[in-house]
């Protein structure tokens, strides 16, 4: 049976979706953008590294609510508004994963992201 994952420690959904869902041991997290979960305000301005840190912290909160962690992430999809931000994004992203056990990943440049942010990341993981 599908389980809905929700936590006040990550931004609430701004549309008709949930922060995450799980089925058996698999966990599917909706894309997170750099919103402060308490104020729902954008974090980081034009700084892709500050935005990436907030995105990863939001994902961490939803993973914890799902009884999971970054160690259990199987795949990420990373959306950048500008591929020129790839190196700066990677520097922060890499802090959340061990190189030898890093998940599979796709990174794509997109024309526009919600609220005109610079980065969004979604996750597939498994429960502890």
C-alpha atoms as a PDB file:
ATOM      1  CA  UNK A   1       0.000   0.000   0.000  1.00  0.00           C
ATOM      2  CA  UNK A   2       1.230   3.501  -0.842  1.00  0.00           C
ATOM      3  CA  UNK A   3       2.260   5.625   2.139  1.00  0.00           C
ATOM      4  CA  UNK A   4       2.335   9.432   2.115  1.00  0.00           C
ATOM      5  CA  UNK A   5       5.473  11.029   3.560  1.00  0.00           C
ATOM      6  CA  UNK A   6       5.155  14.439   5.146  1.00  0.00           C
ATOM      7  CA  UNK A   7       7.208  16.518   7.566  1.00  0.00           C
ATOM      8  CA  UNK A   8       7.025  20.104   8.836  1.00  0.00           C
ATOM      9  CA  UNK A   9      10.840  20.165   8.552  1.00  0.00           C
ATOM     10  CA  UNK A  10      10.664  20.535   4.757  1.00  0.00           C
ATOM     11  CA  UNK A  11       8.650  22.971   2.638  1.00  0.00           C
ATOM     12  CA  UNK A  12       5.010  22.060   2.215  1.00  0.00           C
ATOM     13  CA  UNK A  13       3.859  21.169  -1.278  1.00  0.00           C
ATOM     14  CA  UNK A  14       2.978  24.185  -3.425  1.00  0.00           C
ATOM     15  CA  UNK A  15       0.743  22.162  -5.721  1.00  0.00           C
ATOM     16  CA  UNK A  16      -1.261  18.929  -5.936  1.00  0.00           C
ATOM     17  CA  UNK A  17       1.496  16.581  -4.749  1.00  0.00           C
ATOM     18  CA  UNK A  18       3.121  15.269  -1.561  1.00  0.00           C
ATOM     19  CA  UNK A  19       6.640  15.726  -0.256  1.00  0.00           C
ATOM     20  CA  UNK A  20       7.101  12.027  -0.830  1.00  0.00           C
ATOM     21  CA  UNK A  21       5.515   8.627  -1.108  1.00  0.00           C
ATOM     22  CA  UNK A  22       6.704   5.134  -0.374  1.00  0.00           C
ATOM     23  CA  UNK A  23       5.760   1.662  -1.445  1.00  0.00           C
ATOM     24  CA  UNK A  24       7.146  -1.291   0.456  1.00  0.00           C
ATOM     25  CA  UNK A  25      10.856  -0.391   0.880  1.00  0.00           C
ATOM     26  CA  UNK A  26      11.045   2.201  -1.918  1.00  0.00           C
ATOM     27  CA  UNK A  27      10.829   5.939  -1.237  1.00  0.00           C
ATOM     28  CA  UNK A  28      10.057   8.558  -3.890  1.00  0.00           C
ATOM     29  CA  UNK A  29      10.709  12.198  -2.977  1.00  0.00           C
ATOM     30  CA  UNK A  30       9.205  15.080  -4.904  1.00  0.00           C
ATOM     31  CA  UNK A  31      11.592  17.675  -6.227  1.00  0.00           C
ATOM     32  CA  UNK A  32      12.766  20.099  -3.574  1.00  0.00           C
ATOM     33  CA  UNK A  33      13.607  23.712  -4.275  1.00  0.00           C
ATOM     34  CA  UNK A  34      15.452  26.073  -1.902  1.00  0.00           C
ATOM     35  CA  UNK A  35      12.561  27.188   0.282  1.00  0.00           C
ATOM     36  CA  UNK A  36      12.873  27.691   4.025  1.00  0.00           C
ATOM     37  CA  UNK A  37      10.371  25.214   5.499  1.00  0.00           C
ATOM     38  CA  UNK A  38       9.304  27.615   8.246  1.00  0.00           C
ATOM     39  CA  UNK A  39       8.762  30.754   6.144  1.00  0.00           C
ATOM     40  CA  UNK A  40       8.318  29.220   2.667  1.00  0.00           C
ATOM     41  CA  UNK A  41      10.629  31.978   1.426  1.00  0.00           C
ATOM     42  CA  UNK A  42      13.382  31.451  -1.141  1.00  0.00           C
ATOM     43  CA  UNK A  43      16.848  30.881   0.361  1.00  0.00           C
ATOM     44  CA  UNK A  44      20.130  31.768  -1.299  1.00  0.00           C
ATOM     45  CA  UNK A  45      19.252  34.555  -3.703  1.00  0.00           C
ATOM     46  CA  UNK A  46      21.442  34.127  -6.789  1.00  0.00           C
ATOM     47  CA  UNK A  47      23.943  31.847  -4.999  1.00  0.00           C
ATOM     48  CA  UNK A  48      23.630  28.325  -6.445  1.00  0.00           C
ATOM     49  CA  UNK A  49      25.664  26.839  -3.592  1.00  0.00           C
ATOM     50  CA  UNK A  50      23.413  28.351  -0.916  1.00  0.00           C
ATOM     51  CA  UNK A  51      20.366  27.196  -2.859  1.00  0.00           C
ATOM     52  CA  UNK A  52      21.814  23.690  -3.252  1.00  0.00           C
ATOM     53  CA  UNK A  53      22.525  23.431   0.481  1.00  0.00           C
ATOM     54  CA  UNK A  54      18.899  24.319   1.285  1.00  0.00           C
ATOM     55  CA  UNK A  55      17.610  21.829  -1.285  1.00  0.00           C
ATOM     56  CA  UNK A  56      19.743  19.064   0.196  1.00  0.00           C
ATOM     57  CA  UNK A  57      18.671  19.913   3.753  1.00  0.00           C
ATOM     58  CA  UNK A  58      15.030  19.800   2.652  1.00  0.00           C
ATOM     59  CA  UNK A  59      15.594  16.392   1.059  1.00  0.00           C
ATOM     60  CA  UNK A  60      17.362  15.199   4.215  1.00  0.00           C
ATOM     61  CA  UNK A  61      14.301  16.124   6.298  1.00  0.00           C
ATOM     62  CA  UNK A  62      11.922  14.219   4.007  1.00  0.00           C
ATOM     63  CA  UNK A  63      14.266  11.223   3.901  1.00  0.00           C
ATOM     64  CA  UNK A  64      14.339  11.161   7.703  1.00  0.00           C
ATOM     65  CA  UNK A  65      10.531  11.329   7.810  1.00  0.00           C
ATOM     66  CA  UNK A  66      10.520   8.273   5.515  1.00  0.00           C
ATOM     67  CA  UNK A  67      12.908   6.332   7.776  1.00  0.00           C
ATOM     68  CA  UNK A  68      15.691   6.736   5.232  1.00  0.00           C
ATOM     69  CA  UNK A  69      18.858   8.764   4.686  1.00  0.00           C
ATOM     70  CA  UNK A  70      21.268   9.909   2.000  1.00  0.00           C
ATOM     71  CA  UNK A  71      23.084   6.573   2.456  1.00  0.00           C
ATOM     72  CA  UNK A  72      19.970   4.869   1.049  1.00  0.00           C
ATOM     73  CA  UNK A  73      19.512   7.073  -2.014  1.00  0.00           C
ATOM     74  CA  UNK A  74      19.448   5.018  -5.211  1.00  0.00           C
ATOM     75  CA  UNK A  75      18.984   7.793  -7.805  1.00  0.00           C
ATOM     76  CA  UNK A  76      18.696  11.554  -8.008  1.00  0.00           C
ATOM     77  CA  UNK A  77      17.535  13.792 -10.786  1.00  0.00           C
ATOM     78  CA  UNK A  78      19.057  17.251 -10.605  1.00  0.00           C
ATOM     79  CA  UNK A  79      17.625  20.209 -12.484  1.00  0.00           C
ATOM     80  CA  UNK A  80      19.761  23.309 -13.043  1.00  0.00           C
ATOM     81  CA  UNK A  81      18.547  26.522 -14.611  1.00  0.00           C
ATOM     82  CA  UNK A  82      22.023  27.022 -16.081  1.00  0.00           C
ATOM     83  CA  UNK A  83      24.631  24.316 -16.726  1.00  0.00           C
ATOM     84  CA  UNK A  84      27.299  26.925 -15.976  1.00  0.00           C
ATOM     85  CA  UNK A  85      26.358  26.295 -12.317  1.00  0.00           C
ATOM     86  CA  UNK A  86      27.245  22.585 -12.557  1.00  0.00           C
ATOM     87  CA  UNK A  87      30.643  22.757 -10.812  1.00  0.00           C
ATOM     88  CA  UNK A  88      29.380  24.957  -7.967  1.00  0.00           C
ATOM     89  CA  UNK A  89      26.301  22.724  -7.555  1.00  0.00           C
ATOM     90  CA  UNK A  90      28.475  19.592  -7.486  1.00  0.00           C
ATOM     91  CA  UNK A  91      30.711  20.969  -4.732  1.00  0.00           C
ATOM     92  CA  UNK A  92      27.750  21.157  -2.340  1.00  0.00           C
ATOM     93  CA  UNK A  93      25.925  18.045  -3.620  1.00  0.00           C
ATOM     94  CA  UNK A  94      29.060  15.931  -3.081  1.00  0.00           C
ATOM     95  CA  UNK A  95      29.088  16.791   0.640  1.00  0.00           C
ATOM     96  CA  UNK A  96      25.946  14.704   1.129  1.00  0.00           C
ATOM     97  CA  UNK A  97      27.193  11.453  -0.433  1.00  0.00           C
ATOM     98  CA  UNK A  98      30.174   9.142  -0.055  1.00  0.00           C
ATOM     99  CA  UNK A  99      31.965   8.959  -3.417  1.00  0.00           C
ATOM    100  CA  UNK A 100      32.147   5.155  -3.417  1.00  0.00           C
ATOM    101  CA  UNK A 101      28.431   4.716  -2.701  1.00  0.00           C
ATOM    102  CA  UNK A 102      27.001   7.767  -4.448  1.00  0.00           C
ATOM    103  CA  UNK A 103      23.659   7.172  -6.172  1.00  0.00           C
ATOM    104  CA  UNK A 104      22.970   7.060  -9.871  1.00  0.00           C
ATOM    105  CA  UNK A 105      22.184  10.548 -11.150  1.00  0.00           C
ATOM    106  CA  UNK A 106      20.883  12.521 -14.072  1.00  0.00           C
ATOM    107  CA  UNK A 107      21.562  16.261 -14.262  1.00  0.00           C
ATOM    108  CA  UNK A 108      19.750  18.366 -16.798  1.00  0.00           C
ATOM    109  CA  UNK A 109      19.532  22.035 -17.635  1.00  0.00           C
ATOM    110  CA  UNK A 110      15.999  23.350 -17.858  1.00  0.00           C
ATOM    111  CA  UNK A 111      14.613  26.634 -19.101  1.00  0.00           C
ATOM    112  CA  UNK A 112      12.793  27.584 -15.896  1.00  0.00           C
ATOM    113  CA  UNK A 113      12.203  26.093 -12.454  1.00  0.00           C
ATOM    114  CA  UNK A 114       9.418  26.899  -9.976  1.00  0.00           C
ATOM    115  CA  UNK A 115       9.805  30.360  -8.431  1.00  0.00           C
ATOM    116  CA  UNK A 116      12.731  30.903 -10.848  1.00  0.00           C
ATOM    117  CA  UNK A 117      15.153  29.052  -8.562  1.00  0.00           C
ATOM    118  CA  UNK A 118      18.540  27.850  -9.777  1.00  0.00           C
ATOM    119  CA  UNK A 119      18.292  24.206  -8.650  1.00  0.00           C
ATOM    120  CA  UNK A 120      15.791  21.431  -7.887  1.00  0.00           C
ATOM    121  CA  UNK A 121      16.542  17.822  -6.936  1.00  0.00           C
ATOM    122  CA  UNK A 122      14.287  14.770  -6.620  1.00  0.00           C
ATOM    123  CA  UNK A 123      15.222  11.428  -5.089  1.00  0.00           C
ATOM    124  CA  UNK A 124      14.480   7.708  -5.179  1.00  0.00           C
ATOM    125  CA  UNK A 125      15.692   5.848  -2.107  1.00  0.00           C
ATOM    126  CA  UNK A 126      14.925   2.836   0.079  1.00  0.00           C
ATOM    127  CA  UNK A 127      13.951   2.675   3.715  1.00  0.00           C
ATOM    128  CA  UNK A 128      16.406   1.681   6.433  1.00  0.00           C
END
